[in-house]
Protein backbone atom coordinates (compact mmCIF):
# COMPACT_ATOMS: atom_id res chain seq x y z
CA UNK A 1 -34.64 48.71 36.55
CA UNK A 2 -36.56 48.34 39.80
CA UNK A 3 -35.63 45.38 41.99
CA UNK A 4 -38.10 43.68 44.34
CA UNK A 5 -36.36 43.22 47.67
CA UNK A 6 -37.83 41.48 50.71
CA UNK A 7 -37.07 44.60 52.76
CA UNK A 8 -39.44 46.64 50.57
CA UNK A 9 -42.27 44.13 50.67
CA UNK A 10 -45.09 44.05 53.18
CA UNK A 11 -44.70 41.63 56.09
CA UNK A 12 -45.91 38.08 55.67
CA UNK A 13 -48.89 37.63 57.97
CA UNK A 14 -48.74 33.82 58.00
CA UNK A 15 -45.37 32.81 56.60
CA UNK A 16 -46.27 29.12 56.23
CA UNK A 17 -48.51 29.95 53.27
CA UNK A 18 -46.01 32.14 51.46
CA UNK A 19 -46.26 35.48 49.69
CA UNK A 20 -48.15 34.18 46.65
CA UNK A 21 -51.12 33.11 48.78
CA UNK A 22 -51.05 36.46 50.56
CA UNK A 23 -51.10 38.27 47.21
CA UNK A 24 -54.02 36.11 46.04
CA UNK A 25 -55.99 36.98 49.16
CA UNK A 26 -55.24 40.66 48.62
CA UNK A 27 -56.53 40.30 45.06
CA UNK A 28 -59.75 38.63 46.25
CA UNK A 29 -60.46 41.46 48.70
CA UNK A 30 -60.73 43.94 45.81
CA UNK A 31 -63.01 41.81 43.60
CA UNK A 32 -66.30 43.68 42.94
CA UNK A 33 -68.86 40.92 43.60
CA UNK A 34 -69.26 38.45 46.45
CA UNK A 35 -69.88 35.68 43.94
CA UNK A 36 -66.40 36.17 42.52
CA UNK A 37 -64.86 36.49 45.96
CA UNK A 38 -66.50 33.25 47.12
CA UNK A 39 -65.29 31.40 44.02
CA UNK A 40 -61.67 32.49 44.33
CA UNK A 41 -61.64 32.17 48.13
CA UNK A 42 -62.57 28.48 47.83
CA UNK A 43 -59.72 27.98 45.35
CA UNK A 44 -57.27 29.63 47.75
CA UNK A 45 -58.57 27.48 50.64
CA UNK A 46 -57.85 24.35 48.57
CA UNK A 47 -54.36 25.66 47.78
CA UNK A 48 -53.67 26.44 51.45
CA UNK A 49 -54.65 22.89 52.40
CA UNK A 50 -52.36 21.50 49.69
CA UNK A 51 -49.41 23.60 50.90
CA UNK A 52 -49.86 22.49 54.52
CA UNK A 53 -50.94 18.82 54.47
CA UNK A 54 -49.91 18.42 58.13
CA UNK A 55 -52.93 20.49 59.09
CA UNK A 56 -55.13 17.58 58.01
CA UNK A 57 -54.23 15.93 61.31
CA UNK A 58 -55.57 18.95 63.22
CA UNK A 59 -59.12 18.89 64.51
CA UNK A 60 -61.50 21.10 62.47
CA UNK A 61 -59.04 21.21 59.56
CA UNK A 62 -61.28 23.23 57.23
CA UNK A 63 -62.30 25.59 60.02
CA UNK A 64 -58.65 26.45 60.70
CA UNK A 65 -58.00 27.13 57.00
CA UNK A 66 -60.91 29.57 56.82
CA UNK A 67 -59.72 31.29 59.98
CA UNK A 68 -56.26 31.64 58.42
CA UNK A 69 -57.81 33.11 55.26
CA UNK A 70 -59.44 35.87 57.32
CA UNK A 71 -56.22 36.47 59.25
CA UNK A 72 -54.15 36.76 56.04
CA UNK A 73 -56.66 39.31 54.75
CA UNK A 74 -56.24 41.31 57.96
CA UNK A 75 -59.94 40.50 58.58
CA UNK A 76 -60.95 42.55 55.51
CA UNK A 77 -62.14 39.81 53.16
CA UNK A 78 -65.92 39.68 52.64
CA UNK A 79 -66.90 36.12 51.72
CA UNK A 80 -69.50 33.55 52.72
CA UNK A 81 -67.53 31.37 55.08
CA UNK A 82 -69.04 28.11 56.38
CA UNK A 83 -67.70 29.05 59.81
CA UNK A 84 -68.07 32.11 62.06
CA UNK A 85 -65.72 34.88 61.05
CA UNK A 86 -62.86 35.34 63.54
CA UNK A 87 -62.07 38.76 64.99
CA UNK A 88 -58.74 40.42 65.79
CA UNK A 89 -59.63 40.08 69.46
CA UNK A 90 -59.70 36.27 69.09
CA UNK A 91 -56.00 36.23 68.21
CA UNK A 92 -55.20 38.15 71.39
CA UNK A 93 -56.93 35.60 73.61
CA UNK A 94 -54.57 33.72 75.90
CA UNK A 95 -55.72 30.55 77.67
CA UNK A 96 -55.36 30.36 81.41
CA UNK A 97 -52.05 29.06 82.66
CA UNK A 98 -52.15 25.40 83.66
CA UNK A 99 -50.10 24.94 86.77
CA UNK A 100 -47.63 22.11 86.95
CA UNK A 101 -47.97 19.64 89.81
CA UNK A 102 -45.59 20.60 92.59
CA UNK A 103 -44.58 17.15 93.71
CA UNK A 104 -41.24 16.37 95.25
CA UNK A 105 -39.70 13.07 94.24
CA UNK A 106 -37.21 11.60 96.71
CA UNK A 107 -35.35 9.58 94.06
CA UNK A 108 -35.83 10.88 90.53
CA UNK A 109 -34.56 7.69 88.92
CA UNK A 110 -37.48 5.77 90.45
CA UNK A 111 -40.10 8.38 89.64
CA UNK A 112 -43.45 9.07 91.26
CA UNK A 113 -44.87 5.76 90.09
CA UNK A 114 -42.65 3.75 92.44
CA UNK A 115 -43.74 5.90 95.37
CA UNK A 116 -47.38 5.19 94.49
CA UNK A 117 -46.67 1.46 94.21
CA UNK A 118 -45.01 1.49 97.61
CA UNK A 119 -48.04 3.22 99.11
CA UNK A 120 -50.30 0.52 97.62
CA UNK A 121 -48.07 -2.24 99.00
CA UNK A 122 -48.15 -0.67 102.45
CA UNK A 123 -51.96 -0.78 102.37
CA UNK A 124 -52.08 -4.46 101.34
CA UNK A 125 -53.26 -6.71 104.17
CA UNK A 126 -52.74 -10.12 102.57
CA UNK A 127 -49.17 -11.20 103.62
CA UNK A 128 -48.46 -13.34 100.54
CA UNK A 129 -49.75 -10.74 98.13
CA UNK A 130 -47.86 -8.01 99.96
CA UNK A 131 -44.61 -9.98 99.79
CA UNK A 132 -45.04 -10.50 96.04
CA UNK A 133 -45.74 -6.80 95.53
CA UNK A 134 -42.62 -5.78 97.47
CA UNK A 135 -40.49 -8.22 95.46
CA UNK A 136 -41.85 -6.82 92.19
CA UNK A 137 -41.33 -3.21 93.28
CA UNK A 138 -37.73 -3.91 94.29
CA UNK A 139 -36.98 -5.59 90.95
CA UNK A 140 -38.48 -2.64 89.11
CA UNK A 141 -36.45 -0.20 91.22
CA UNK A 142 -33.24 -2.02 90.31
CA UNK A 143 -34.07 -1.88 86.60
CA UNK A 144 -34.96 1.83 86.82
CA UNK A 145 -31.74 2.59 88.72
CA UNK A 146 -29.53 0.92 86.10
CA UNK A 147 -31.33 2.58 83.17
CA UNK A 148 -31.16 6.05 84.73
CA UNK A 149 -27.61 5.98 86.11
CA UNK A 150 -26.06 3.82 83.37
CA UNK A 151 -24.27 1.90 86.10
CA UNK A 152 -24.66 -1.36 87.98
CA UNK A 153 -26.05 -1.33 91.49
CA UNK A 154 -25.86 -3.66 94.49
CA UNK A 155 -29.06 -5.18 95.84
CA UNK A 156 -28.27 -3.63 99.23
CA UNK A 157 -28.64 -0.14 97.76
CA UNK A 158 -32.07 -0.94 96.33
CA UNK A 159 -33.25 -2.48 99.60
CA UNK A 160 -32.05 0.56 101.53
CA UNK A 161 -33.90 2.91 99.15
CA UNK A 162 -37.03 0.76 99.48
CA UNK A 163 -36.82 1.00 103.24
CA UNK A 164 -36.33 4.78 103.10
CA UNK A 165 -39.22 5.34 100.70
CA UNK A 166 -41.58 3.22 102.81
CA UNK A 167 -40.48 4.74 106.10
CA UNK A 168 -39.19 1.35 107.18
CA UNK A 169 -42.54 -0.33 106.60
CA UNK A 170 -41.45 -2.53 103.66
CA UNK A 171 -38.54 -4.92 103.54
CA UNK A 172 -37.61 -8.12 101.74
CA UNK A 173 -36.79 -11.34 103.47
CA UNK A 174 -33.11 -12.02 104.09
CA UNK A 175 -31.07 -13.73 101.36
CA UNK A 176 -33.59 -12.77 98.67
CA UNK A 177 -31.80 -11.83 95.44
CA UNK A 178 -33.28 -9.33 93.02
CA UNK A 179 -33.51 -9.97 89.30
CA UNK A 180 -30.15 -9.68 87.59
CA UNK A 181 -29.91 -6.35 85.77
CA UNK A 182 -26.55 -5.45 84.27
CA UNK A 183 -25.51 -2.27 82.52
CA UNK A 184 -23.61 -2.89 79.30
CA UNK A 185 -21.88 0.08 77.63
CA UNK A 186 -22.72 0.67 73.99
CA UNK A 187 -19.22 -0.35 72.90
CA UNK A 188 -19.61 -3.73 74.56
CA UNK A 189 -22.95 -4.23 72.84
CA UNK A 190 -21.36 -3.49 69.47
CA UNK A 191 -18.56 -5.96 70.19
CA UNK A 192 -21.09 -8.59 71.23
CA UNK A 193 -23.04 -8.05 68.02
CA UNK A 194 -19.84 -8.38 65.97
CA UNK A 195 -18.88 -11.55 67.84
CA UNK A 196 -22.32 -13.01 67.22
CA UNK A 197 -22.07 -12.20 63.52
CA UNK A 198 -18.61 -13.79 63.33
CA UNK A 199 -19.90 -16.94 65.04
CA UNK A 200 -22.84 -17.11 62.62
CA UNK A 201 -20.51 -16.73 59.63
CA UNK A 202 -18.22 -19.50 60.96
CA UNK A 203 -21.19 -21.78 61.48
CA UNK A 204 -22.41 -21.19 57.92
CA UNK A 205 -18.93 -21.84 56.53
CA UNK A 206 -18.61 -25.06 58.54
CA UNK A 207 -22.00 -26.24 57.30
CA UNK A 208 -20.92 -25.50 53.74
CA UNK A 209 -17.72 -27.54 54.14
CA UNK A 210 -19.63 -30.45 55.67
CA UNK A 211 -22.12 -30.46 52.79
CA UNK A 212 -19.32 -30.45 50.22
CA UNK A 213 -17.60 -33.34 52.04
CA UNK A 214 -20.79 -35.38 52.05
CA UNK A 215 -21.33 -34.79 48.33
CA UNK A 216 -17.80 -35.96 47.46
CA UNK A 217 -18.28 -39.16 49.45
């Protein structure tokens, strides 16, 4: 008895379609007439789309399926495709590398956006509007700090960072408090949720007792 092992089979060209689709394509290549090849190729295209429904979200869905059909056939299938036939050279094409922006961020927990906001505030000429912008930026910085570091922070630290980032150009008035932002560990949140549920249950029980008392009277 001869056993069919994966090690003795030909390599899968596009593994996402499986070996059965690859065997079908191989069968179509050897069909004698183009009419037959076109008929069976369309059936295989429909099957390929069914096996990979996620491709429906890809632009030019049908075009990609026909390209894959040619690739699976090692570019040997002769059918009337509604799209230009791809070539082996197309698969070797590599797009140009897109360089990443080389921007240094002084405080990563604030991000580049805060630096841009500070630059805008420094350009503002209206004193009242500028003051409101600085207050908003400082509040946002405090929130970002707590979320990033998972720790509480004093207002003095935020004001110092604001001064550093603006080169000393921006500062809040004395005795101005920032919005209260407090870091609560996950365990505390779970305890709070449990406490709230317990309170709600007690309230429902008390309401039930009161209703029963009223009914008896």
